[in-house]
Amino acid sequence: MAIPDYQTIMRPLLEIASERDELTRATAVELVSDHFNLTAEERRRLMAKVKRPIIMGRVHFAQLYLSKAGLLESVRRGVFRITPLGREVLSCSDRIDTRYLMQFESFAEFMQRSKRRRTPTPAASGTMPSEEQAPQEVLESAFEEVQAQLAEELLDAIKSASPQFFEKLVVELLLSMGYGGSWRDAAEVLGQSHDGGIDGVVNQDRLGLDAVYIQAKRWDGSSVGRKEIQSFVGSLSGKKASKGVFVTTLSFTKEAKDFVTSIDKKIVLIDGLRLAELMIEHDVGVSTTATYRVKSVDSDYFN
């Protein structure tokens, strides 16, 4: 049979996960290929630019979407398992696709943030573009999906690293974003004493006229609340500082976000999703695997 699209893969992947305590991505690709009786040639068939198996990309997208809906969860880097909600869905639904997943708030928010289209893209599913989409829109939509998957993989990698590595990553990212000073200057402060909850500091400008203090927390859990932000603000007061960046792999509660808008200090909150987006934008922890050049007719040439 033809290589299935990522939506067709969703339910079989969930079923496979339900039969095991944990599942690696490589094993998931192999078992999904077995489920659909793919030939050796179909399993090896590569994408044109990225040069990795098509079935691997589609299984990874299926896993990403199921995870965003709360049906699968990451155990550690490259390893996932089914959730209680995932088992419940298996017992009451014959087909799982993006339309079905939209009933879950976390997935709907994810789709809205990523500006997803209403139909699968050719790159992900092998289907033809919607009549509502021009080819350029299809390409952009596919690019957004690739970025979303990359962000998910980045967060998995960060969560599997040490707290010390995470702190250094945050400082390197801020320096890559154009903050002043040097890595050596920042590293001298980073991780020495953690005095008052400060994990690092970078200059706001090249001349060092103002400093930005950092707290980088790779915590377990679901969100960072107001209490943790208040503690960070207290640490800034002890340094007589007015600016800080709080970075975490989690999300922030509404109370935490509201708190930073009610104080006179300038505090920027960077959650896991925003952290991954910034790393991709500033080439920290990522590398380019393929480049697509979209060209158009040069009217000046013909004139």
C-alpha atoms as a PDB file:
ATOM      1  CA  MET A   1       0.000   0.000   0.000  1.00  0.00           C
ATOM      2  CA  ALA A   2       1.019   3.658  -0.289  1.00  0.00           C
ATOM      3  CA  ILE A   3       2.784   5.308   2.623  1.00  0.00           C
ATOM      4  CA  PRO A   4      -0.046   6.510   4.932  1.00  0.00           C
ATOM      5  CA  ASP A   5      -0.456  10.201   5.761  1.00  0.00           C
ATOM      6  CA  TYR A   6       0.210  11.351   9.310  1.00  0.00           C
ATOM      7  CA  GLN A   7      -3.487  11.559  10.222  1.00  0.00           C
ATOM      8  CA  THR A   8      -4.061   7.924   9.218  1.00  0.00           C
ATOM      9  CA  ILE A   9      -1.102   7.015  11.413  1.00  0.00           C
ATOM     10  CA  MET A  10      -2.517   8.664  14.551  1.00  0.00           C
ATOM     11  CA  ARG A  11      -4.817   5.921  15.846  1.00  0.00           C
ATOM     12  CA  PRO A  12      -2.472   2.985  15.053  1.00  0.00           C
ATOM     13  CA  LEU A  13       0.354   4.851  16.772  1.00  0.00           C
ATOM     14  CA  LEU A  14      -1.826   5.374  19.843  1.00  0.00           C
ATOM     15  CA  GLU A  15      -2.757   1.680  19.822  1.00  0.00           C
ATOM     16  CA  ILE A  16       0.898   0.669  19.602  1.00  0.00           C
ATOM     17  CA  ALA A  17       1.740   2.984  22.510  1.00  0.00           C
ATOM     18  CA  SER A  18      -1.075   1.457  24.589  1.00  0.00           C
ATOM     19  CA  GLU A  19       0.582  -1.961  24.337  1.00  0.00           C
ATOM     20  CA  ARG A  20       3.879  -0.775  25.852  1.00  0.00           C
ATOM     21  CA  ASP A  21       5.026   1.073  28.957  1.00  0.00           C
ATOM     22  CA  GLU A  22       7.320   3.285  26.859  1.00  0.00           C
ATOM     23  CA  LEU A  23       8.064   3.692  23.174  1.00  0.00           C
ATOM     24  CA  THR A  24      11.073   5.176  21.400  1.00  0.00           C
ATOM     25  CA  ARG A  25      10.596   7.115  18.175  1.00  0.00           C
ATOM     26  CA  ALA A  26      12.708   4.644  16.211  1.00  0.00           C
ATOM     27  CA  THR A  27      10.651   1.694  17.476  1.00  0.00           C
ATOM     28  CA  ALA A  28       7.419   3.588  16.735  1.00  0.00           C
ATOM     29  CA  VAL A  29       8.473   4.085  13.101  1.00  0.00           C
ATOM     30  CA  GLU A  30       9.301   0.395  12.761  1.00  0.00           C
ATOM     31  CA  LEU A  31       6.040  -0.803  14.330  1.00  0.00           C
ATOM     32  CA  VAL A  32       3.879   1.629  12.358  1.00  0.00           C
ATOM     33  CA  SER A  33       5.589   0.437   9.173  1.00  0.00           C
ATOM     34  CA  ASP A  34       4.778  -3.152  10.170  1.00  0.00           C
ATOM     35  CA  HIS A  35       1.164  -2.211  10.910  1.00  0.00           C
ATOM     36  CA  PHE A  36       0.678  -0.843   7.392  1.00  0.00           C
ATOM     37  CA  ASN A  37       2.715  -3.665   5.780  1.00  0.00           C
ATOM     38  CA  LEU A  38       5.091  -1.233   4.098  1.00  0.00           C
ATOM     39  CA  THR A  39       7.611  -2.727   1.728  1.00  0.00           C
ATOM     40  CA  ALA A  40      11.348  -2.329   2.226  1.00  0.00           C
ATOM     41  CA  GLU A  41      11.385   0.237  -0.570  1.00  0.00           C
ATOM     42  CA  GLU A  42       8.573   2.259   1.040  1.00  0.00           C
ATOM     43  CA  ARG A  43      10.380   2.233   4.395  1.00  0.00           C
ATOM     44  CA  ARG A  44      13.554   3.547   2.748  1.00  0.00           C
ATOM     45  CA  ARG A  45      11.909   6.141   0.511  1.00  0.00           C
ATOM     46  CA  LEU A  46      13.439   9.527   1.348  1.00  0.00           C
ATOM     47  CA  MET A  47      12.228  13.094   1.278  1.00  0.00           C
ATOM     48  CA  ALA A  48      13.710  15.064  -1.608  1.00  0.00           C
ATOM     49  CA  LYS A  49      15.696  17.614   0.410  1.00  0.00           C
ATOM     50  CA  VAL A  50      16.040  16.419   3.994  1.00  0.00           C
ATOM     51  CA  LYS A  51      17.117  12.902   2.995  1.00  0.00           C
ATOM     52  CA  ARG A  52      15.324  11.069   5.762  1.00  0.00           C
ATOM     53  CA  PRO A  53      12.574   8.436   5.365  1.00  0.00           C
ATOM     54  CA  ILE A  54       9.134   9.810   4.579  1.00  0.00           C
ATOM     55  CA  ILE A  55       7.474   7.416   7.010  1.00  0.00           C
ATOM     56  CA  MET A  56       9.712   8.699   9.823  1.00  0.00           C
ATOM     57  CA  GLY A  57       8.590  12.281   9.280  1.00  0.00           C
ATOM     58  CA  ARG A  58       4.928  11.297   9.226  1.00  0.00           C
ATOM     59  CA  VAL A  59       5.160   9.194  12.385  1.00  0.00           C
ATOM     60  CA  HIS A  60       6.917  12.071  14.144  1.00  0.00           C
ATOM     61  CA  PHE A  61       4.165  14.511  13.126  1.00  0.00           C
ATOM     62  CA  ALA A  62       1.490  12.088  14.322  1.00  0.00           C
ATOM     63  CA  GLN A  63       3.289  11.832  17.655  1.00  0.00           C
ATOM     64  CA  LEU A  64       3.623  15.612  17.905  1.00  0.00           C
ATOM     65  CA  TYR A  65      -0.100  16.195  17.362  1.00  0.00           C
ATOM     66  CA  LEU A  66      -1.158  13.423  19.753  1.00  0.00           C
ATOM     67  CA  SER A  67       1.182  14.866  22.381  1.00  0.00           C
ATOM     68  CA  LYS A  68      -0.202  18.378  21.951  1.00  0.00           C
ATOM     69  CA  ALA A  69      -3.709  16.970  22.500  1.00  0.00           C
ATOM     70  CA  GLY A  70      -2.563  15.244  25.705  1.00  0.00           C
ATOM     71  CA  LEU A  71      -2.963  11.689  24.381  1.00  0.00           C
ATOM     72  CA  LEU A  72       0.772  10.977  24.468  1.00  0.00           C
ATOM     73  CA  GLU A  73       3.435  12.382  26.778  1.00  0.00           C
ATOM     74  CA  SER A  74       7.210  12.613  26.701  1.00  0.00           C
ATOM     75  CA  VAL A  75       9.082  10.479  29.226  1.00  0.00           C
ATOM     76  CA  ARG A  76      12.551  11.643  28.236  1.00  0.00           C
ATOM     77  CA  ARG A  77      14.260  12.628  25.038  1.00  0.00           C
ATOM     78  CA  GLY A  78      13.045  10.471  22.169  1.00  0.00           C
ATOM     79  CA  VAL A  79      10.812   8.339  24.421  1.00  0.00           C
ATOM     80  CA  PHE A  80       7.069   8.703  24.951  1.00  0.00           C
ATOM     81  CA  ARG A  81       4.057   6.850  26.370  1.00  0.00           C
ATOM     82  CA  ILE A  82       0.287   6.915  26.244  1.00  0.00           C
ATOM     83  CA  THR A  83      -1.655   8.967  28.830  1.00  0.00           C
ATOM     84  CA  PRO A  84      -4.892   7.996  30.632  1.00  0.00           C
ATOM     85  CA  LEU A  85      -6.700  10.381  28.280  1.00  0.00           C
ATOM     86  CA  GLY A  86      -5.146   8.567  25.327  1.00  0.00           C
ATOM     87  CA  ARG A  87      -6.484   5.229  26.552  1.00  0.00           C
ATOM     88  CA  GLU A  88      -9.905   6.775  27.016  1.00  0.00           C
ATOM     89  CA  VAL A  89      -9.897   8.088  23.444  1.00  0.00           C
ATOM     90  CA  LEU A  90      -8.945   4.660  22.088  1.00  0.00           C
ATOM     91  CA  SER A  91     -12.028   3.148  23.695  1.00  0.00           C
ATOM     92  CA  CYS A  92     -14.484   5.619  22.161  1.00  0.00           C
ATOM     93  CA  SER A  93     -13.152   6.672  18.762  1.00  0.00           C
ATOM     94  CA  ASP A  94     -12.568   4.684  15.585  1.00  0.00           C
ATOM     95  CA  ARG A  95     -10.620   7.421  13.786  1.00  0.00           C
ATOM     96  CA  ILE A  96      -8.344  10.099  15.163  1.00  0.00           C
ATOM     97  CA  ASP A  97      -7.355  13.053  12.995  1.00  0.00           C
ATOM     98  CA  THR A  98      -6.714  16.769  13.385  1.00  0.00           C
ATOM     99  CA  ARG A  99     -10.422  17.584  13.290  1.00  0.00           C
ATOM    100  CA  TYR A 100     -11.069  15.122  16.124  1.00  0.00           C
ATOM    101  CA  LEU A 101      -8.160  16.515  18.167  1.00  0.00           C
ATOM    102  CA  MET A 102      -9.562  20.045  17.973  1.00  0.00           C
ATOM    103  CA  GLN A 103     -11.947  19.172  20.825  1.00  0.00           C
ATOM    104  CA  PHE A 104      -8.968  19.210  23.203  1.00  0.00           C
ATOM    105  CA  GLU A 105      -8.134  22.720  24.401  1.00  0.00           C
ATOM    106  CA  SER A 106      -4.369  22.220  24.454  1.00  0.00           C
ATOM    107  CA  PHE A 107      -4.377  21.073  20.818  1.00  0.00           C
ATOM    108  CA  ALA A 108      -6.700  23.868  19.685  1.00  0.00           C
ATOM    109  CA  GLU A 109      -4.392  26.440  21.321  1.00  0.00           C
ATOM    110  CA  PHE A 110      -1.372  24.817  19.697  1.00  0.00           C
ATOM    111  CA  MET A 111      -2.996  24.972  16.270  1.00  0.00           C
ATOM    112  CA  GLN A 112      -3.989  28.586  16.778  1.00  0.00           C
ATOM    113  CA  ARG A 113      -0.491  29.589  17.858  1.00  0.00           C
ATOM    114  CA  SER A 114       1.055  27.862  14.890  1.00  0.00           C
ATOM    115  CA  LYS A 115      -1.519  29.316  12.465  1.00  0.00           C
ATOM    116  CA  ARG A 116      -2.396  25.909  11.110  1.00  0.00           C
ATOM    117  CA  ARG A 117      -4.430  25.489   7.953  1.00  0.00           C
ATOM    118  CA  ARG A 118      -7.662  23.509   8.035  1.00  0.00           C
ATOM    119  CA  THR A 119      -6.367  20.787   5.721  1.00  0.00           C
ATOM    120  CA  PRO A 120      -3.193  18.666   5.819  1.00  0.00           C
ATOM    121  CA  THR A 121      -0.264  19.888   3.777  1.00  0.00           C
ATOM    122  CA  PRO A 122       1.263  17.889   0.888  1.00  0.00           C
ATOM    123  CA  ALA A 123       4.601  17.697   2.728  1.00  0.00           C
ATOM    124  CA  ALA A 124       3.005  16.048   5.731  1.00  0.00           C
ATOM    125  CA  SER A 125       0.194  13.974   4.318  1.00  0.00           C
ATOM    126  CA  GLY A 126       0.775  13.465   0.624  1.00  0.00           C
ATOM    127  CA  THR A 127      -2.635  14.937  -0.252  1.00  0.00           C
ATOM    128  CA  MET A 128      -3.369  17.623  -2.812  1.00  0.00           C
ATOM    129  CA  PRO A 129      -3.620  21.251  -1.655  1.00  0.00           C
ATOM    130  CA  SER A 130      -6.977  22.700  -0.696  1.00  0.00           C
ATOM    131  CA  GLU A 131      -8.742  24.828  -3.289  1.00  0.00           C
ATOM    132  CA  GLU A 132      -8.526  27.665  -0.760  1.00  0.00           C
ATOM    133  CA  GLN A 133      -4.728  27.524  -0.698  1.00  0.00           C
ATOM    134  CA  ALA A 134      -2.299  28.849  -3.243  1.00  0.00           C
ATOM    135  CA  PRO A 135       0.932  26.819  -3.639  1.00  0.00           C
ATOM    136  CA  GLN A 136       2.852  29.492  -1.701  1.00  0.00           C
ATOM    137  CA  GLU A 137       0.415  29.124   1.220  1.00  0.00           C
ATOM    138  CA  VAL A 138       0.841  25.362   1.169  1.00  0.00           C
ATOM    139  CA  LEU A 139       4.613  25.778   1.364  1.00  0.00           C
ATOM    140  CA  GLU A 140       4.341  28.214   4.270  1.00  0.00           C
ATOM    141  CA  SER A 141       1.951  25.919   6.114  1.00  0.00           C
ATOM    142  CA  ALA A 142       4.321  22.972   5.696  1.00  0.00           C
ATOM    143  CA  PHE A 143       7.206  25.120   6.943  1.00  0.00           C
ATOM    144  CA  GLU A 144       5.223  26.017  10.074  1.00  0.00           C
ATOM    145  CA  GLU A 145       4.619  22.336  10.782  1.00  0.00           C
ATOM    146  CA  VAL A 146       8.322  21.566  10.439  1.00  0.00           C
ATOM    147  CA  GLN A 147       9.122  24.411  12.837  1.00  0.00           C
ATOM    148  CA  ALA A 148       6.576  23.108  15.343  1.00  0.00           C
ATOM    149  CA  GLN A 149       8.122  19.657  15.283  1.00  0.00           C
ATOM    150  CA  LEU A 150      11.606  21.126  15.656  1.00  0.00           C
ATOM    151  CA  ALA A 151      10.477  23.159  18.682  1.00  0.00           C
ATOM    152  CA  GLU A 152       9.098  19.999  20.282  1.00  0.00           C
ATOM    153  CA  GLU A 153      12.375  18.158  19.718  1.00  0.00           C
ATOM    154  CA  LEU A 154      14.345  21.087  21.117  1.00  0.00           C
ATOM    155  CA  LEU A 155      12.310  21.084  24.317  1.00  0.00           C
ATOM    156  CA  ASP A 156      12.840  17.327  24.696  1.00  0.00           C
ATOM    157  CA  ALA A 157      16.588  17.841  24.330  1.00  0.00           C
ATOM    158  CA  ILE A 158      16.617  20.695  26.862  1.00  0.00           C
ATOM    159  CA  LYS A 159      14.647  18.695  29.427  1.00  0.00           C
ATOM    160  CA  SER A 160      17.079  15.791  29.146  1.00  0.00           C
ATOM    161  CA  ALA A 161      20.124  18.043  29.711  1.00  0.00           C
ATOM    162  CA  SER A 162      21.534  19.099  33.080  1.00  0.00           C
ATOM    163  CA  PRO A 163      20.377  22.271  34.894  1.00  0.00           C
ATOM    164  CA  GLN A 164      23.871  23.714  34.438  1.00  0.00           C
ATOM    165  CA  PHE A 165      23.700  23.164  30.677  1.00  0.00           C
ATOM    166  CA  PHE A 166      20.294  24.863  30.597  1.00  0.00           C
ATOM    167  CA  GLU A 167      21.635  27.941  32.402  1.00  0.00           C
ATOM    168  CA  LYS A 168      24.526  28.251  29.940  1.00  0.00           C
ATOM    169  CA  LEU A 169      22.137  27.765  27.019  1.00  0.00           C
ATOM    170  CA  VAL A 170      19.996  30.686  28.187  1.00  0.00           C
ATOM    171  CA  VAL A 171      22.986  33.023  28.488  1.00  0.00           C
ATOM    172  CA  GLU A 172      24.279  31.957  25.062  1.00  0.00           C
ATOM    173  CA  LEU A 173      20.847  32.640  23.568  1.00  0.00           C
ATOM    174  CA  LEU A 174      20.685  36.145  25.041  1.00  0.00           C
ATOM    175  CA  LEU A 175      24.169  36.920  23.738  1.00  0.00           C
ATOM    176  CA  SER A 176      23.146  35.617  20.305  1.00  0.00           C
ATOM    177  CA  MET A 177      20.148  37.952  20.422  1.00  0.00           C
ATOM    178  CA  GLY A 178      22.492  40.921  20.614  1.00  0.00           C
ATOM    179  CA  TYR A 179      22.861  41.636  24.300  1.00  0.00           C
ATOM    180  CA  GLY A 180      26.183  43.208  25.173  1.00  0.00           C
ATOM    181  CA  GLY A 181      29.158  41.788  26.940  1.00  0.00           C
ATOM    182  CA  SER A 182      30.846  38.517  26.133  1.00  0.00           C
ATOM    183  CA  TRP A 183      30.334  34.870  26.908  1.00  0.00           C
ATOM    184  CA  ARG A 184      33.362  35.002  29.209  1.00  0.00           C
ATOM    185  CA  ASP A 185      31.903  37.891  31.200  1.00  0.00           C
ATOM    186  CA  ALA A 186      28.536  36.169  31.527  1.00  0.00           C
ATOM    187  CA  ALA A 187      30.055  32.803  32.413  1.00  0.00           C
ATOM    188  CA  GLU A 188      32.039  34.333  35.281  1.00  0.00           C
ATOM    189  CA  VAL A 189      28.784  35.155  37.045  1.00  0.00           C
ATOM    190  CA  LEU A 190      26.773  32.181  35.864  1.00  0.00           C
ATOM    191  CA  GLY A 191      26.290  29.388  38.364  1.00  0.00           C
ATOM    192  CA  GLN A 192      28.846  30.533  40.936  1.00  0.00           C
ATOM    193  CA  SER A 193      26.728  31.284  43.942  1.00  0.00           C
ATOM    194  CA  HIS A 194      23.135  31.540  42.725  1.00  0.00           C
ATOM    195  CA  ASP A 195      22.952  34.344  45.266  1.00  0.00           C
ATOM    196  CA  GLY A 196      19.335  35.250  45.861  1.00  0.00           C
ATOM    197  CA  GLY A 197      18.045  33.171  42.969  1.00  0.00           C
ATOM    198  CA  ILE A 198      20.150  34.801  40.211  1.00  0.00           C
ATOM    199  CA  ASP A 199      21.523  32.323  37.673  1.00  0.00           C
ATOM    200  CA  GLY A 200      23.334  34.705  35.339  1.00  0.00           C
ATOM    201  CA  VAL A 201      23.713  38.250  34.065  1.00  0.00           C
ATOM    202  CA  VAL A 202      24.326  39.866  30.669  1.00  0.00           C
ATOM    203  CA  ASN A 203      24.814  43.474  29.690  1.00  0.00           C
ATOM    204  CA  GLN A 204      21.899  45.098  27.909  1.00  0.00           C
ATOM    205  CA  ASP A 205      24.305  46.889  25.564  1.00  0.00           C
ATOM    206  CA  ARG A 206      27.901  46.597  24.385  1.00  0.00           C
ATOM    207  CA  LEU A 207      29.113  49.318  26.748  1.00  0.00           C
ATOM    208  CA  GLY A 208      27.617  47.671  29.805  1.00  0.00           C
ATOM    209  CA  LEU A 209      25.491  50.669  30.810  1.00  0.00           C
ATOM    210  CA  ASP A 210      22.789  48.408  32.230  1.00  0.00           C
ATOM    211  CA  ALA A 211      22.600  44.769  33.314  1.00  0.00           C
ATOM    212  CA  VAL A 212      19.901  42.173  32.772  1.00  0.00           C
ATOM    213  CA  TYR A 213      19.684  39.468  35.429  1.00  0.00           C
ATOM    214  CA  ILE A 214      18.592  35.948  34.529  1.00  0.00           C
ATOM    215  CA  GLN A 215      16.830  33.115  36.264  1.00  0.00           C
ATOM    216  CA  ALA A 216      16.775  29.896  34.245  1.00  0.00           C
ATOM    217  CA  LYS A 217      14.716  27.054  35.684  1.00  0.00           C
ATOM    218  CA  ARG A 218      14.312  23.670  34.055  1.00  0.00           C
ATOM    219  CA  TRP A 219      11.706  22.467  36.536  1.00  0.00           C
ATOM    220  CA  ASP A 220       9.331  19.518  36.497  1.00  0.00           C
ATOM    221  CA  GLY A 221       5.618  20.264  36.523  1.00  0.00           C
ATOM    222  CA  SER A 222       3.199  22.130  34.311  1.00  0.00           C
ATOM    223  CA  SER A 223       3.624  25.839  35.051  1.00  0.00           C
ATOM    224  CA  VAL A 224       5.465  28.538  36.999  1.00  0.00           C
ATOM    225  CA  GLY A 225       3.280  30.589  39.316  1.00  0.00           C
ATOM    226  CA  ARG A 226       3.275  34.034  40.864  1.00  0.00           C
ATOM    227  CA  LYS A 227       5.214  32.894  43.938  1.00  0.00           C
ATOM    228  CA  GLU A 228       8.315  32.016  41.908  1.00  0.00           C
ATOM    229  CA  ILE A 229       8.193  35.308  40.009  1.00  0.00           C
ATOM    230  CA  GLN A 230       7.817  37.281  43.248  1.00  0.00           C
ATOM    231  CA  SER A 231      10.892  35.522  44.607  1.00  0.00           C
ATOM    232  CA  PHE A 232      12.851  36.498  41.481  1.00  0.00           C
ATOM    233  CA  VAL A 233      11.715  40.114  41.804  1.00  0.00           C
ATOM    234  CA  GLY A 234      12.938  40.088  45.410  1.00  0.00           C
ATOM    235  CA  SER A 235      16.313  38.845  44.198  1.00  0.00           C
ATOM    236  CA  LEU A 236      16.503  41.745  41.751  1.00  0.00           C
ATOM    237  CA  SER A 237      15.767  44.197  44.550  1.00  0.00           C
ATOM    238  CA  GLY A 238      18.696  42.749  46.475  1.00  0.00           C
ATOM    239  CA  LYS A 239      20.919  43.518  43.482  1.00  0.00           C
ATOM    240  CA  LYS A 240      19.354  46.976  43.057  1.00  0.00           C
ATOM    241  CA  ALA A 241      18.458  45.811  39.537  1.00  0.00           C
ATOM    242  CA  SER A 242      15.450  46.887  37.498  1.00  0.00           C
ATOM    243  CA  LYS A 243      15.483  44.366  34.637  1.00  0.00           C
ATOM    244  CA  GLY A 244      15.294  40.603  34.550  1.00  0.00           C
ATOM    245  CA  VAL A 245      14.497  37.631  32.341  1.00  0.00           C
ATOM    246  CA  PHE A 246      12.843  34.518  33.762  1.00  0.00           C
ATOM    247  CA  VAL A 247      13.247  31.506  31.458  1.00  0.00           C
ATOM    248  CA  THR A 248      11.676  28.094  31.970  1.00  0.00           C
ATOM    249  CA  THR A 249      10.809  24.988  29.973  1.00  0.00           C
ATOM    250  CA  LEU A 250       7.288  25.178  31.439  1.00  0.00           C
ATOM    251  CA  SER A 251       4.468  27.689  30.941  1.00  0.00           C
ATOM    252  CA  PHE A 252       3.475  30.599  33.196  1.00  0.00           C
ATOM    253  CA  THR A 253       0.191  30.889  35.034  1.00  0.00           C
ATOM    254  CA  LYS A 254      -2.114  33.833  34.374  1.00  0.00           C
ATOM    255  CA  GLU A 255      -1.380  35.093  37.900  1.00  0.00           C
ATOM    256  CA  ALA A 256       2.361  35.145  37.134  1.00  0.00           C
ATOM    257  CA  LYS A 257       1.811  37.055  33.892  1.00  0.00           C
ATOM    258  CA  ASP A 258      -0.514  39.543  35.560  1.00  0.00           C
ATOM    259  CA  PHE A 259       1.989  40.119  38.360  1.00  0.00           C
ATOM    260  CA  VAL A 260       4.823  41.244  36.064  1.00  0.00           C
ATOM    261  CA  THR A 261       2.546  43.855  34.501  1.00  0.00           C
ATOM    262  CA  SER A 262       1.693  45.343  37.890  1.00  0.00           C
ATOM    263  CA  ILE A 263       5.226  46.127  39.107  1.00  0.00           C
ATOM    264  CA  ASP A 264       7.683  48.871  38.208  1.00  0.00           C
ATOM    265  CA  LYS A 265      10.518  46.485  37.358  1.00  0.00           C
ATOM    266  CA  LYS A 266      10.820  45.240  33.782  1.00  0.00           C
ATOM    267  CA  ILE A 267      10.489  41.450  33.840  1.00  0.00           C
ATOM    268  CA  VAL A 268      10.327  39.361  30.666  1.00  0.00           C
ATOM    269  CA  LEU A 269       8.871  35.859  30.936  1.00  0.00           C
ATOM    270  CA  ILE A 270      10.032  33.259  28.406  1.00  0.00           C
ATOM    271  CA  ASP A 271       8.186  29.932  28.495  1.00  0.00           C
ATOM    272  CA  GLY A 272       9.253  26.677  26.855  1.00  0.00           C
ATOM    273  CA  LEU A 273       7.551  27.344  23.535  1.00  0.00           C
ATOM    274  CA  ARG A 274       8.970  30.862  23.221  1.00  0.00           C
ATOM    275  CA  LEU A 275      12.415  29.604  24.241  1.00  0.00           C
ATOM    276  CA  ALA A 276      12.400  27.026  21.437  1.00  0.00           C
ATOM    277  CA  GLU A 277      11.199  29.647  18.924  1.00  0.00           C
ATOM    278  CA  LEU A 278      14.015  32.014  19.911  1.00  0.00           C
ATOM    279  CA  MET A 279      16.611  29.250  19.665  1.00  0.00           C
ATOM    280  CA  ILE A 280      15.446  28.439  16.139  1.00  0.00           C
ATOM    281  CA  GLU A 281      15.363  32.110  15.136  1.00  0.00           C
ATOM    282  CA  HIS A 282      18.891  32.793  16.431  1.00  0.00           C
ATOM    283  CA  ASP A 283      20.463  29.446  15.440  1.00  0.00           C
ATOM    284  CA  VAL A 284      21.197  28.185  18.950  1.00  0.00           C
ATOM    285  CA  GLY A 285      21.184  24.395  19.209  1.00  0.00           C
ATOM    286  CA  VAL A 286      19.950  23.928  15.630  1.00  0.00           C
ATOM    287  CA  SER A 287      21.505  23.511  12.188  1.00  0.00           C
ATOM    288  CA  THR A 288      20.158  23.866   8.656  1.00  0.00           C
ATOM    289  CA  THR A 289      19.448  20.536   6.946  1.00  0.00           C
ATOM    290  CA  ALA A 290      17.779  21.810   3.763  1.00  0.00           C
ATOM    291  CA  THR A 291      17.182  25.093   1.936  1.00  0.00           C
ATOM    292  CA  TYR A 292      14.298  25.731  -0.464  1.00  0.00           C
ATOM    293  CA  ARG A 293      14.622  28.728  -2.786  1.00  0.00           C
ATOM    294  CA  VAL A 294      11.314  30.030  -4.125  1.00  0.00           C
ATOM    295  CA  LYS A 295      11.830  31.980  -7.353  1.00  0.00           C
ATOM    296  CA  SER A 296       9.632  34.223  -9.499  1.00  0.00           C
ATOM    297  CA  VAL A 297       9.932  35.759 -12.957  1.00  0.00           C
ATOM    298  CA  ASP A 298      12.234  38.776 -13.072  1.00  0.00           C
ATOM    299  CA  SER A 299      10.105  41.319 -14.966  1.00  0.00           C
ATOM    300  CA  ASP A 300      13.035  43.762 -15.252  1.00  0.00           C
ATOM    301  CA  TYR A 301      14.969  41.160 -17.249  1.00  0.00           C
ATOM    302  CA  PHE A 302      12.222  40.896 -19.890  1.00  0.00           C
ATOM    303  CA  ASN A 303      11.705  44.652 -20.020  1.00  0.00           C
END
